[in-house]
Protein backbone atom coordinates (compact mmCIF):
# COMPACT_ATOMS: atom_id res chain seq x y z
CA UNK A 1 2.01 -53.19 41.29
CA UNK A 2 -0.98 -51.18 39.79
CA UNK A 3 -3.80 -48.92 40.80
CA UNK A 4 -7.04 -48.21 39.32
CA UNK A 5 -7.56 -44.65 39.05
CA UNK A 6 -11.41 -44.73 37.62
CA UNK A 7 -13.84 -47.56 37.85
CA UNK A 8 -13.91 -49.65 34.71
CA UNK A 9 -17.42 -48.90 34.12
CA UNK A 10 -16.98 -44.98 34.37
CA UNK A 11 -13.77 -45.05 32.04
CA UNK A 12 -15.76 -44.68 28.77
CA UNK A 13 -18.08 -42.03 30.32
CA UNK A 14 -15.20 -39.99 31.54
CA UNK A 15 -13.32 -40.16 28.32
CA UNK A 16 -16.52 -39.18 26.41
CA UNK A 17 -17.07 -36.18 28.84
CA UNK A 18 -13.61 -35.03 28.87
CA UNK A 19 -13.57 -35.21 24.94
CA UNK A 20 -16.82 -33.28 25.11
CA UNK A 21 -15.56 -30.65 27.55
CA UNK A 22 -12.18 -30.09 25.16
CA UNK A 23 -14.62 -29.63 22.47
CA UNK A 24 -16.65 -26.84 24.18
CA UNK A 25 -13.33 -24.98 25.55
CA UNK A 26 -10.85 -24.93 22.50
CA UNK A 27 -12.61 -22.41 20.72
CA UNK A 28 -11.56 -19.95 17.98
CA UNK A 29 -11.37 -17.32 20.52
CA UNK A 30 -9.12 -19.44 22.74
CA UNK A 31 -6.62 -20.29 19.72
CA UNK A 32 -6.83 -16.37 18.61
CA UNK A 33 -5.65 -15.41 22.12
CA UNK A 34 -2.99 -18.16 22.45
CA UNK A 35 -1.33 -17.62 19.17
CA UNK A 36 -2.34 -14.13 17.71
CA UNK A 37 -2.81 -11.73 20.68
CA UNK A 38 0.05 -13.54 22.84
CA UNK A 39 2.59 -14.11 20.41
CA UNK A 40 2.01 -12.58 16.90
CA UNK A 41 1.17 -9.23 18.33
CA UNK A 42 4.37 -8.98 20.18
CA UNK A 43 6.37 -9.89 17.26
CA UNK A 44 6.99 -13.54 18.31
CA UNK A 45 6.68 -16.37 15.70
CA UNK A 46 4.09 -19.09 16.91
CA UNK A 47 6.77 -21.65 15.08
CA UNK A 48 9.53 -23.06 17.36
CA UNK A 49 12.76 -21.81 16.52
CA UNK A 50 12.00 -19.18 14.17
CA UNK A 51 12.41 -15.41 14.57
CA UNK A 52 10.54 -12.89 12.33
CA UNK A 53 13.19 -10.61 10.51
CA UNK A 54 12.73 -6.95 10.76
CA UNK A 55 10.86 -5.12 8.02
CA UNK A 56 13.11 -3.90 5.01
CA UNK A 57 14.47 -0.30 4.94
CA UNK A 58 12.00 0.41 2.10
CA UNK A 59 9.05 -0.79 3.67
CA UNK A 60 10.04 0.81 7.14
CA UNK A 61 10.39 4.11 4.99
CA UNK A 62 6.98 3.50 3.65
CA UNK A 63 5.52 3.20 7.19
CA UNK A 64 7.26 6.16 8.09
CA UNK A 65 5.54 8.26 5.51
CA UNK A 66 9.13 8.97 3.76
CA UNK A 67 8.15 7.13 0.57
CA UNK A 68 5.70 5.68 -1.61
CA UNK A 69 5.73 3.43 -4.77
CA UNK A 70 3.50 3.26 -7.79
CA UNK A 71 3.22 0.81 -10.60
CA UNK A 72 3.45 2.42 -14.19
CA UNK A 73 0.47 1.20 -16.01
CA UNK A 74 2.32 1.37 -19.44
CA UNK A 75 5.47 -0.28 -18.49
CA UNK A 76 4.59 -2.22 -15.22
CA UNK A 77 7.65 -0.91 -13.40
CA UNK A 78 7.48 0.05 -9.88
CA UNK A 79 8.87 3.59 -9.18
CA UNK A 80 9.63 5.16 -5.77
CA UNK A 81 7.91 8.58 -4.90
CA UNK A 82 10.04 10.03 -2.19
CA UNK A 83 8.47 12.28 0.31
CA UNK A 84 4.80 10.82 -0.48
CA UNK A 85 3.40 9.20 2.30
CA UNK A 86 1.07 6.25 1.53
CA UNK A 87 -2.04 6.77 3.15
CA UNK A 88 -2.66 3.18 4.06
CA UNK A 89 -0.20 2.99 6.85
CA UNK A 90 -1.18 6.29 8.52
CA UNK A 91 -4.93 5.04 8.47
CA UNK A 92 -4.24 1.86 10.36
CA UNK A 93 -1.48 3.00 12.45
CA UNK A 94 1.05 0.82 11.27
CA UNK A 95 4.20 0.97 13.69
CA UNK A 96 7.69 -0.54 12.57
CA UNK A 97 8.25 -2.41 16.00
CA UNK A 98 7.20 -5.07 16.67
CA UNK A 99 7.20 -7.01 13.26
CA UNK A 100 3.35 -8.18 13.87
CA UNK A 101 2.10 -8.88 10.36
CA UNK A 102 -0.92 -6.27 11.14
CA UNK A 103 -1.77 -3.60 8.79
CA UNK A 104 -5.51 -3.14 8.52
CA UNK A 105 -6.16 -6.58 10.65
CA UNK A 106 -7.67 -8.27 7.82
CA UNK A 107 -5.22 -11.05 8.02
CA UNK A 108 -5.50 -11.38 11.94
CA UNK A 109 -8.98 -11.49 11.38
CA UNK A 110 -9.00 -14.28 8.85
CA UNK A 111 -7.99 -16.75 11.81
CA UNK A 112 -10.01 -19.66 12.15
CA UNK A 113 -10.52 -23.21 13.83
CA UNK A 114 -12.75 -26.13 12.41
CA UNK A 115 -13.20 -28.90 14.72
CA UNK A 116 -13.85 -32.28 12.92
CA UNK A 117 -13.54 -36.17 13.84
CA UNK A 118 -9.76 -36.25 13.77
CA UNK A 119 -9.08 -32.95 15.72
CA UNK A 120 -9.10 -29.20 15.45
CA UNK A 121 -7.72 -27.22 12.09
CA UNK A 122 -6.16 -24.01 12.65
CA UNK A 123 -5.55 -21.42 9.83
CA UNK A 124 -5.79 -18.09 8.36
CA UNK A 125 -8.14 -17.64 5.48
CA UNK A 126 -6.77 -14.32 3.84
CA UNK A 127 -4.49 -15.31 1.03
CA UNK A 128 -1.76 -13.03 2.00
CA UNK A 129 -1.08 -15.61 5.00
CA UNK A 130 0.21 -17.77 2.52
CA UNK A 131 3.00 -15.48 1.20
CA UNK A 132 3.77 -14.68 4.93
CA UNK A 133 4.05 -18.16 5.92
CA UNK A 134 5.08 -19.87 2.83
CA UNK A 135 6.39 -18.01 -0.28
CA UNK A 136 7.62 -15.04 0.98
CA UNK A 137 6.34 -11.43 1.31
CA UNK A 138 7.59 -8.26 -0.66
CA UNK A 139 10.61 -8.02 -2.82
CA UNK A 140 12.92 -9.78 -0.85
CA UNK A 141 10.13 -12.91 -0.47
CA UNK A 142 10.85 -12.82 3.36
CA UNK A 143 9.14 -15.69 5.22
CA UNK A 144 7.71 -15.17 8.36
CA UNK A 145 6.24 -18.52 9.86
CA UNK A 146 2.80 -18.05 11.59
CA UNK A 147 1.77 -21.63 11.63
CA UNK A 148 3.95 -24.92 11.88
CA UNK A 149 2.78 -26.26 8.50
CA UNK A 150 6.12 -27.67 7.26
CA UNK A 151 7.48 -30.98 7.94
CA UNK A 152 9.56 -30.87 11.24
CA UNK A 153 7.77 -27.69 12.23
CA UNK A 154 6.31 -27.40 15.70
CA UNK A 155 4.63 -24.68 17.99
CA UNK A 156 6.97 -22.80 19.94
CA UNK A 157 7.54 -23.76 23.67
CA UNK A 158 5.39 -21.33 25.05
CA UNK A 159 2.28 -22.20 23.19
CA UNK A 160 3.10 -25.94 23.81
CA UNK A 161 3.22 -25.36 27.51
CA UNK A 162 0.38 -23.14 27.62
CA UNK A 163 -2.00 -25.33 25.84
CA UNK A 164 -0.56 -28.17 27.85
CA UNK A 165 -1.76 -26.66 30.87
CA UNK A 166 -4.94 -25.74 29.95
CA UNK A 167 -5.73 -29.17 28.60
CA UNK A 168 -4.76 -30.75 31.92
CA UNK A 169 -6.86 -28.20 34.04
CA UNK A 170 -9.88 -29.40 31.99
CA UNK A 171 -8.97 -33.03 32.57
CA UNK A 172 -8.54 -32.52 36.09
CA UNK A 173 -11.92 -30.70 36.57
CA UNK A 174 -13.67 -33.56 34.53
CA UNK A 175 -11.72 -36.33 36.24
CA UNK A 176 -12.44 -35.00 39.83
CA UNK A 177 -16.14 -35.98 39.39
CA UNK A 178 -15.00 -39.86 39.34
CA UNK A 179 -14.44 -41.35 42.67
CA UNK A 180 -11.29 -43.61 43.09
CA UNK A 181 -12.44 -47.04 43.34
CA UNK A 182 -11.87 -49.07 46.48
CA UNK A 183 -8.88 -51.45 46.45
């Protein structure tokens, strides 16, 4: 038993129209909202089964203005300066919680998407992204995955579900235009 949903002659046209609609709707703004604003801003890793580790005690002390560090030009060693606030944290209003990888906003603003013939490429152009996602940031080399870039990585279930719903809504809008063929 089978059923035709779209007349044969309209199928190619419907697929082309669906591709065009998806290309138009799946913008950098859409993905920024889905990944950065709805997940990262709340301290949620966009990568499935990944939790972001809390900031280290020394980093929290810097954020709270209790200590700062300087690097000696002669020895290259890093020295703490207790009681000296780092003006960077105060200037940007950095908070200890949630862990959201936002200090100045430069990392978040480097988020981009590119569409090509094979699909959509999503990334961060700021070099700091590589440290957070792959190599590890700070003295402890803590990795906080922002994108599923490693073998076996997937988007978290919230992103997957929201994306699937969005694509389904677009498909329904496009396909409603085509009348079901008469049997």
